[in-house]
Amino acid sequence: IDTIRWENVRYCLEDYKYFMLFRDDVNKARADGRASSSILARAERLLAIDDAVVKDYANWSQDPEVYLQARREMAQVIEHLM
C-alpha cells in the first residue's frame, strides 16, 4: 500500500544508498590517484554532511531542495571522478 510516509522512507533509503555509493567512489578515486585535490576536497566536504542538511537523528532540513542540491553536487563530483 503506497502512502506518503512509505514514499518518504523509500526516498530516504535511496539517498542513503546514493551516499554510500558516492563514498565508495571517492575512496576508490583517492586510492587510484585519479582525482584532483580540489575534487577530493569537494567530495570530503560533501561526505561530512553539512548540518544544514542533517545535524542528527532529531534535526534535519525540512526543505527538499536542500537534499536535491546535495545530490546534484555529489553527481557533479562523480562525473569528475569518472
PDB file of N, CA and C in Angstrom:
ATOM      1  N   ILE A   1       0.851  -1.167   0.000  1.00  0.00           N
ATOM      2  CA  ILE A   1       0.000   0.000   0.000  1.00  0.00           C
ATOM      3  C   ILE A   1       0.899   1.233   0.000  1.00  0.00           C
ATOM      4  N   ASP A   2       0.726   2.057  -1.024  1.00  0.00           N
ATOM      5  CA  ASP A   2       1.516   3.287  -1.114  1.00  0.00           C
ATOM      6  C   ASP A   2       0.907   4.376  -0.249  1.00  0.00           C
ATOM      7  N   THR A   3       1.751   4.988   0.512  1.00  0.00           N
ATOM      8  CA  THR A   3       1.347   6.156   1.293  1.00  0.00           C
ATOM      9  C   THR A   3       2.480   7.171   1.190  1.00  0.00           C
ATOM     10  N   ILE A   4       2.196   8.376   1.556  1.00  0.00           N
ATOM     11  CA  ILE A   4       3.227   9.410   1.537  1.00  0.00           C
ATOM     12  C   ILE A   4       4.375   9.035   2.462  1.00  0.00           C
ATOM     13  N   ARG A   5       4.050   8.468   3.615  1.00  0.00           N
ATOM     14  CA  ARG A   5       5.104   8.093   4.566  1.00  0.00           C
ATOM     15  C   ARG A   5       6.030   7.032   3.973  1.00  0.00           C
ATOM     16  N   TRP A   6       5.474   6.014   3.324  1.00  0.00           N
ATOM     17  CA  TRP A   6       6.299   4.966   2.721  1.00  0.00           C
ATOM     18  C   TRP A   6       7.124   5.523   1.565  1.00  0.00           C
ATOM     19  N   GLU A   7       6.558   6.428   0.813  1.00  0.00           N
ATOM     20  CA  GLU A   7       7.315   7.060  -0.262  1.00  0.00           C
ATOM     21  C   GLU A   7       8.512   7.820   0.316  1.00  0.00           C
ATOM     22  N   ASN A   8       8.306   8.511   1.412  1.00  0.00           N
ATOM     23  CA  ASN A   8       9.405   9.235   2.055  1.00  0.00           C
ATOM     24  C   ASN A   8      10.464   8.280   2.581  1.00  0.00           C
ATOM     25  N   VAL A   9      10.044   7.158   3.129  1.00  0.00           N
ATOM     26  CA  VAL A   9      11.002   6.146   3.594  1.00  0.00           C
ATOM     27  C   VAL A   9      11.826   5.646   2.412  1.00  0.00           C
ATOM     28  N   ARG A  10      11.165   5.391   1.302  1.00  0.00           N
ATOM     29  CA  ARG A  10      11.864   4.927   0.103  1.00  0.00           C
ATOM     30  C   ARG A  10      12.888   5.957  -0.358  1.00  0.00           C
ATOM     31  N   TYR A  11      12.492   7.222  -0.389  1.00  0.00           N
ATOM     32  CA  TYR A  11      13.421   8.281  -0.788  1.00  0.00           C
ATOM     33  C   TYR A  11      14.628   8.346   0.154  1.00  0.00           C
ATOM     34  N   CYS A  12      14.387   8.187   1.427  1.00  0.00           N
ATOM     35  CA  CYS A  12      15.487   8.205   2.408  1.00  0.00           C
ATOM     36  C   CYS A  12      16.452   7.056   2.158  1.00  0.00           C
ATOM     37  N   LEU A  13      15.910   5.881   1.891  1.00  0.00           N
ATOM     38  CA  LEU A  13      16.764   4.723   1.614  1.00  0.00           C
ATOM     39  C   LEU A  13      17.567   4.925   0.330  1.00  0.00           C
ATOM     40  N   GLU A  14      16.939   5.515  -0.678  1.00  0.00           N
ATOM     41  CA  GLU A  14      17.653   5.809  -1.916  1.00  0.00           C
ATOM     42  C   GLU A  14      18.769   6.825  -1.678  1.00  0.00           C
ATOM     43  N   ASP A  15      18.490   7.841  -0.881  1.00  0.00           N
ATOM     44  CA  ASP A  15      19.516   8.828  -0.552  1.00  0.00           C
ATOM     45  C   ASP A  15      20.685   8.177   0.183  1.00  0.00           C
ATOM     46  N   TYR A  16      20.390   7.290   1.111  1.00  0.00           N
ATOM     47  CA  TYR A  16      21.438   6.601   1.866  1.00  0.00           C
ATOM     48  C   TYR A  16      22.294   5.759   0.922  1.00  0.00           C
ATOM     49  N   LYS A  17      21.639   5.006   0.047  1.00  0.00           N
ATOM     50  CA  LYS A  17      22.380   4.162  -0.891  1.00  0.00           C
ATOM     51  C   LYS A  17      23.240   5.024  -1.813  1.00  0.00           C
ATOM     52  N   TYR A  18      22.694   6.112  -2.308  1.00  0.00           N
ATOM     53  CA  TYR A  18      23.433   7.027  -3.173  1.00  0.00           C
ATOM     54  C   TYR A  18      24.659   7.580  -2.445  1.00  0.00           C
ATOM     55  N   PHE A  19      24.472   7.944  -1.185  1.00  0.00           N
ATOM     56  CA  PHE A  19      25.574   8.472  -0.383  1.00  0.00           C
ATOM     57  C   PHE A  19      26.666   7.423  -0.196  1.00  0.00           C
ATOM     58  N   MET A  20      26.288   6.173   0.073  1.00  0.00           N
ATOM     59  CA  MET A  20      27.274   5.103   0.263  1.00  0.00           C
ATOM     60  C   MET A  20      28.023   4.818  -1.038  1.00  0.00           C
ATOM     61  N   LEU A  21      27.333   4.834  -2.164  1.00  0.00           N
ATOM     62  CA  LEU A  21      27.999   4.655  -3.455  1.00  0.00           C
ATOM     63  C   LEU A  21      28.957   5.812  -3.731  1.00  0.00           C
ATOM     64  N   PHE A  22      28.536   7.008  -3.388  1.00  0.00           N
ATOM     65  CA  PHE A  22      29.387   8.186  -3.537  1.00  0.00           C
ATOM     66  C   PHE A  22      30.654   8.028  -2.695  1.00  0.00           C
ATOM     67  N   ARG A  23      30.482   7.647  -1.447  1.00  0.00           N
ATOM     68  CA  ARG A  23      31.632   7.446  -0.552  1.00  0.00           C
ATOM     69  C   ARG A  23      32.590   6.410  -1.130  1.00  0.00           C
ATOM     70  N   ASP A  24      32.054   5.305  -1.631  1.00  0.00           N
ATOM     71  CA  ASP A  24      32.893   4.256  -2.204  1.00  0.00           C
ATOM     72  C   ASP A  24      33.643   4.749  -3.439  1.00  0.00           C
ATOM     73  N   ASP A  25      32.970   5.511  -4.301  1.00  0.00           N
ATOM     74  CA  ASP A  25      33.619   6.065  -5.493  1.00  0.00           C
ATOM     75  C   ASP A  25      34.744   7.020  -5.114  1.00  0.00           C
ATOM     76  N   VAL A  26      34.506   7.836  -4.117  1.00  0.00           N
ATOM     77  CA  VAL A  26      35.540   8.778  -3.661  1.00  0.00           C
ATOM     78  C   VAL A  26      36.737   8.015  -3.110  1.00  0.00           C
ATOM     79  N   ASN A  27      36.488   6.999  -2.308  1.00  0.00           N
ATOM     80  CA  ASN A  27      37.587   6.204  -1.744  1.00  0.00           C
ATOM     81  C   ASN A  27      38.394   5.510  -2.837  1.00  0.00           C
ATOM     82  N   LYS A  28      37.721   4.974  -3.860  1.00  0.00           N
ATOM     83  CA  LYS A  28      38.430   4.325  -4.973  1.00  0.00           C
ATOM     84  C   LYS A  28      39.257   5.341  -5.749  1.00  0.00           C
ATOM     85  N   ALA A  29      38.678   6.503  -6.002  1.00  0.00           N
ATOM     86  CA  ALA A  29      39.402   7.539  -6.742  1.00  0.00           C
ATOM     87  C   ALA A  29      40.628   8.008  -5.961  1.00  0.00           C
ATOM     88  N   ARG A  30      40.486   8.122  -4.659  1.00  0.00           N
ATOM     89  CA  ARG A  30      41.610   8.532  -3.822  1.00  0.00           C
ATOM     90  C   ARG A  30      42.712   7.467  -3.869  1.00  0.00           C
ATOM     91  N   ALA A  31      42.325   6.209  -3.743  1.00  0.00           N
ATOM     92  CA  ALA A  31      43.294   5.114  -3.745  1.00  0.00           C
ATOM     93  C   ALA A  31      43.997   4.986  -5.099  1.00  0.00           C
ATOM     94  N   ASP A  32      43.265   5.221  -6.189  1.00  0.00           N
ATOM     95  CA  ASP A  32      43.829   5.106  -7.533  1.00  0.00           C
ATOM     96  C   ASP A  32      44.596   6.353  -7.949  1.00  0.00           C
ATOM     97  N   GLY A  33      44.436   7.442  -7.201  1.00  0.00           N
ATOM     98  CA  GLY A  33      45.098   8.689  -7.542  1.00  0.00           C
ATOM     99  C   GLY A  33      44.548   9.328  -8.808  1.00  0.00           C
ATOM    100  N   ARG A  34      43.279   9.076  -9.113  1.00  0.00           N
ATOM    101  CA  ARG A  34      42.703   9.582 -10.363  1.00  0.00           C
ATOM    102  C   ARG A  34      41.818  10.806 -10.172  1.00  0.00           C
ATOM    103  N   ALA A  35      41.951  11.485  -9.063  1.00  0.00           N
ATOM    104  CA  ALA A  35      41.138  12.688  -8.835  1.00  0.00           C
ATOM    105  C   ALA A  35      42.042  13.823  -8.371  1.00  0.00           C
ATOM    106  N   SER A  36      41.694  15.017  -8.807  1.00  0.00           N
ATOM    107  CA  SER A  36      42.474  16.183  -8.397  1.00  0.00           C
ATOM    108  C   SER A  36      42.222  16.479  -6.922  1.00  0.00           C
ATOM    109  N   SER A  37      43.124  17.218  -6.340  1.00  0.00           N
ATOM    110  CA  SER A  37      42.978  17.564  -4.927  1.00  0.00           C
ATOM    111  C   SER A  37      41.745  18.434  -4.697  1.00  0.00           C
ATOM    112  N   SER A  38      41.387  19.275  -5.658  1.00  0.00           N
ATOM    113  CA  SER A  38      40.206  20.128  -5.477  1.00  0.00           C
ATOM    114  C   SER A  38      38.922  19.298  -5.503  1.00  0.00           C
ATOM    115  N   ILE A  39      38.858  18.290  -6.368  1.00  0.00           N
ATOM    116  CA  ILE A  39      37.679  17.422  -6.411  1.00  0.00           C
ATOM    117  C   ILE A  39      37.595  16.600  -5.141  1.00  0.00           C
ATOM    118  N   LEU A  40      38.722  16.083  -4.670  1.00  0.00           N
ATOM    119  CA  LEU A  40      38.711  15.310  -3.423  1.00  0.00           C
ATOM    120  C   LEU A  40      38.313  16.188  -2.243  1.00  0.00           C
ATOM    121  N   ALA A  41      38.746  17.432  -2.226  1.00  0.00           N
ATOM    122  CA  ALA A  41      38.357  18.345  -1.144  1.00  0.00           C
ATOM    123  C   ALA A  41      36.854  18.599  -1.190  1.00  0.00           C
ATOM    124  N   ARG A  42      36.326  18.786  -2.378  1.00  0.00           N
ATOM    125  CA  ARG A  42      34.874  18.977  -2.531  1.00  0.00           C
ATOM    126  C   ARG A  42      34.114  17.736  -2.074  1.00  0.00           C
ATOM    127  N   ALA A  43      34.629  16.575  -2.443  1.00  0.00           N
ATOM    128  CA  ALA A  43      33.999  15.314  -2.036  1.00  0.00           C
ATOM    129  C   ALA A  43      34.023  15.158  -0.523  1.00  0.00           C
ATOM    130  N   GLU A  44      35.136  15.486   0.097  1.00  0.00           N
ATOM    131  CA  GLU A  44      35.238  15.391   1.555  1.00  0.00           C
ATOM    132  C   GLU A  44      34.235  16.312   2.244  1.00  0.00           C
ATOM    133  N   ARG A  45      34.041  17.501   1.678  1.00  0.00           N
ATOM    134  CA  ARG A  45      33.059  18.429   2.243  1.00  0.00           C
ATOM    135  C   ARG A  45      31.668  17.823   2.172  1.00  0.00           C
ATOM    136  N   LEU A  46      31.336  17.187   1.049  1.00  0.00           N
ATOM    137  CA  LEU A  46      30.027  16.561   0.906  1.00  0.00           C
ATOM    138  C   LEU A  46      29.878  15.341   1.811  1.00  0.00           C
ATOM    139  N   LEU A  47      30.952  14.586   1.967  1.00  0.00           N
ATOM    140  CA  LEU A  47      30.896  13.403   2.840  1.00  0.00           C
ATOM    141  C   LEU A  47      30.717  13.776   4.305  1.00  0.00           C
ATOM    142  N   ALA A  48      31.134  14.977   4.667  1.00  0.00           N
ATOM    143  CA  ALA A  48      30.996  15.417   6.060  1.00  0.00           C
ATOM    144  C   ALA A  48      29.541  15.716   6.428  1.00  0.00           C
ATOM    145  N   ILE A  49      28.685  15.876   5.467  1.00  0.00           N
ATOM    146  CA  ILE A  49      27.263  16.189   5.618  1.00  0.00           C
ATOM    147  C   ILE A  49      27.069  17.456   6.457  1.00  0.00           C
ATOM    148  N   ASP A  50      26.790  18.509   5.759  1.00  0.00           N
ATOM    149  CA  ASP A  50      26.556  19.815   6.373  1.00  0.00           C
ATOM    150  C   ASP A  50      25.389  19.745   7.353  1.00  0.00           C
ATOM    151  N   ASP A  51      25.519  20.431   8.479  1.00  0.00           N
ATOM    152  CA  ASP A  51      24.436  20.484   9.471  1.00  0.00           C
ATOM    153  C   ASP A  51      23.151  21.068   8.892  1.00  0.00           C
ATOM    154  N   ALA A  52      23.265  21.847   7.825  1.00  0.00           N
ATOM    155  CA  ALA A  52      22.068  22.400   7.188  1.00  0.00           C
ATOM    156  C   ALA A  52      21.236  21.302   6.524  1.00  0.00           C
ATOM    157  N   VAL A  53      21.879  20.161   6.225  1.00  0.00           N
ATOM    158  CA  VAL A  53      21.168  19.029   5.637  1.00  0.00           C
ATOM    159  C   VAL A  53      20.643  18.141   6.758  1.00  0.00           C
ATOM    160  N   VAL A  54      21.565  17.576   7.507  1.00  0.00           N
ATOM    161  CA  VAL A  54      21.204  16.708   8.640  1.00  0.00           C
ATOM    162  C   VAL A  54      22.189  16.978   9.770  1.00  0.00           C
ATOM    163  N   LYS A  55      21.670  17.354  10.909  1.00  0.00           N
ATOM    164  CA  LYS A  55      22.532  17.598  12.065  1.00  0.00           C
ATOM    165  C   LYS A  55      22.653  16.337  12.916  1.00  0.00           C
ATOM    166  N   ASP A  56      21.526  15.707  13.194  1.00  0.00           N
ATOM    167  CA  ASP A  56      21.497  14.459  13.945  1.00  0.00           C
ATOM    168  C   ASP A  56      20.163  13.782  13.702  1.00  0.00           C
ATOM    169  N   TYR A  57      19.881  12.729  14.439  1.00  0.00           N
ATOM    170  CA  TYR A  57      18.645  11.978  14.215  1.00  0.00           C
ATOM    171  C   TYR A  57      17.371  12.787  14.452  1.00  0.00           C
ATOM    172  N   ALA A  58      17.479  13.833  15.208  1.00  0.00           N
ATOM    173  CA  ALA A  58      16.291  14.628  15.540  1.00  0.00           C
ATOM    174  C   ALA A  58      16.217  15.961  14.795  1.00  0.00           C
ATOM    175  N   ASN A  59      17.301  16.343  14.135  1.00  0.00           N
ATOM    176  CA  ASN A  59      17.347  17.654  13.489  1.00  0.00           C
ATOM    177  C   ASN A  59      17.845  17.526  12.054  1.00  0.00           C
ATOM    178  N   TRP A  60      16.966  17.839  11.108  1.00  0.00           N
ATOM    179  CA  TRP A  60      17.304  17.797   9.696  1.00  0.00           C
ATOM    180  C   TRP A  60      16.473  18.832   8.966  1.00  0.00           C
ATOM    181  N   SER A  61      16.903  19.109   7.755  1.00  0.00           N
ATOM    182  CA  SER A  61      16.194  20.117   6.966  1.00  0.00           C
ATOM    183  C   SER A  61      14.836  19.587   6.523  1.00  0.00           C
ATOM    184  N   GLN A  62      13.853  20.448   6.577  1.00  0.00           N
ATOM    185  CA  GLN A  62      12.518  20.110   6.089  1.00  0.00           C
ATOM    186  C   GLN A  62      12.344  20.549   4.637  1.00  0.00           C
ATOM    187  N   ASP A  63      13.361  21.184   4.068  1.00  0.00           N
ATOM    188  CA  ASP A  63      13.308  21.712   2.707  1.00  0.00           C
ATOM    189  C   ASP A  63      13.862  20.670   1.734  1.00  0.00           C
ATOM    190  N   PRO A  64      13.022  20.101   0.869  1.00  0.00           N
ATOM    191  CA  PRO A  64      13.502  19.084  -0.066  1.00  0.00           C
ATOM    192  C   PRO A  64      14.588  19.597  -1.011  1.00  0.00           C
ATOM    193  N   GLU A  65      14.596  20.899  -1.277  1.00  0.00           N
ATOM    194  CA  GLU A  65      15.610  21.454  -2.175  1.00  0.00           C
ATOM    195  C   GLU A  65      17.016  21.280  -1.601  1.00  0.00           C
ATOM    196  N   VAL A  66      17.152  21.282  -0.283  1.00  0.00           N
ATOM    197  CA  VAL A  66      18.455  21.083   0.353  1.00  0.00           C
ATOM    198  C   VAL A  66      19.011  19.719  -0.024  1.00  0.00           C
ATOM    199  N   TYR A  67      18.170  18.692   0.008  1.00  0.00           N
ATOM    200  CA  TYR A  67      18.607  17.336  -0.337  1.00  0.00           C
ATOM    201  C   TYR A  67      18.892  17.212  -1.829  1.00  0.00           C
ATOM    202  N   LEU A  68      18.041  17.820  -2.640  1.00  0.00           N
ATOM    203  CA  LEU A  68      18.250  17.763  -4.083  1.00  0.00           C
ATOM    204  C   LEU A  68      19.548  18.458  -4.477  1.00  0.00           C
ATOM    205  N   GLN A  69      19.860  19.563  -3.827  1.00  0.00           N
ATOM    206  CA  GLN A  69      21.113  20.275  -4.108  1.00  0.00           C
ATOM    207  C   GLN A  69      22.316  19.417  -3.710  1.00  0.00           C
ATOM    208  N   ALA A  70      22.244  18.759  -2.571  1.00  0.00           N
ATOM    209  CA  ALA A  70      23.340  17.881  -2.150  1.00  0.00           C
ATOM    210  C   ALA A  70      23.529  16.755  -3.162  1.00  0.00           C
ATOM    211  N   ARG A  71      22.426  16.186  -3.654  1.00  0.00           N
ATOM    212  CA  ARG A  71      22.506  15.129  -4.673  1.00  0.00           C
ATOM    213  C   ARG A  71      23.145  15.660  -5.951  1.00  0.00           C
ATOM    214  N   ARG A  72      22.758  16.846  -6.373  1.00  0.00           N
ATOM    215  CA  ARG A  72      23.333  17.436  -7.585  1.00  0.00           C
ATOM    216  C   ARG A  72      24.837  17.635  -7.428  1.00  0.00           C
ATOM    217  N   GLU A  73      25.243  18.123  -6.267  1.00  0.00           N
ATOM    218  CA  GLU A  73      26.675  18.336  -6.028  1.00  0.00           C
ATOM    219  C   GLU A  73      27.440  17.013  -6.034  1.00  0.00           C
ATOM    220  N   MET A  74      26.859  15.967  -5.437  1.00  0.00           N
ATOM    221  CA  MET A  74      27.506  14.654  -5.462  1.00  0.00           C
ATOM    222  C   MET A  74      27.610  14.149  -6.894  1.00  0.00           C
ATOM    223  N   ALA A  75      26.582  14.330  -7.694  1.00  0.00           N
ATOM    224  CA  ALA A  75      26.591  13.893  -9.090  1.00  0.00           C
ATOM    225  C   ALA A  75      27.704  14.605  -9.873  1.00  0.00           C
ATOM    226  N   GLN A  76      27.877  15.891  -9.607  1.00  0.00           N
ATOM    227  CA  GLN A  76      28.939  16.633 -10.292  1.00  0.00           C
ATOM    228  C   GLN A  76      30.315  16.087  -9.935  1.00  0.00           C
ATOM    229  N   VAL A  77      30.509  15.767  -8.663  1.00  0.00           N
ATOM    230  CA  VAL A  77      31.789  15.191  -8.249  1.00  0.00           C
ATOM    231  C   VAL A  77      31.995  13.826  -8.893  1.00  0.00           C
ATOM    232  N   ILE A  78      30.951  13.011  -8.913  1.00  0.00           N
ATOM    233  CA  ILE A  78      31.049  11.682  -9.533  1.00  0.00           C
ATOM    234  C   ILE A  78      31.456  11.806 -10.996  1.00  0.00           C
ATOM    235  N   GLU A  79      30.889  12.781 -11.705  1.00  0.00           N
ATOM    236  CA  GLU A  79      31.274  12.978 -13.106  1.00  0.00           C
ATOM    237  C   GLU A  79      32.747  13.277 -13.242  1.00  0.00           C
ATOM    238  N   HIS A  80      33.310  14.036 -12.313  1.00  0.00           N
ATOM    239  CA  HIS A  80      34.740  14.348 -12.350  1.00  0.00           C
ATOM    240  C   HIS A  80      35.587  13.139 -11.972  1.00  0.00           C
ATOM    241  N   LEU A  81      35.023  12.216 -11.226  1.00  0.00           N
ATOM    242  CA  LEU A  81      35.782  11.032 -10.820  1.00  0.00           C
ATOM    243  C   LEU A  81      35.851   9.977 -11.917  1.00  0.00           C
ATOM    244  N   MET A  82      34.977  10.096 -12.886  1.00  0.00           N
ATOM    245  CA  MET A  82      34.919   9.067 -13.947  1.00  0.00           C
ATOM    246  C   MET A  82      35.959   9.308 -15.008  1.00  0.00           C
TER     247      MET A  82
END
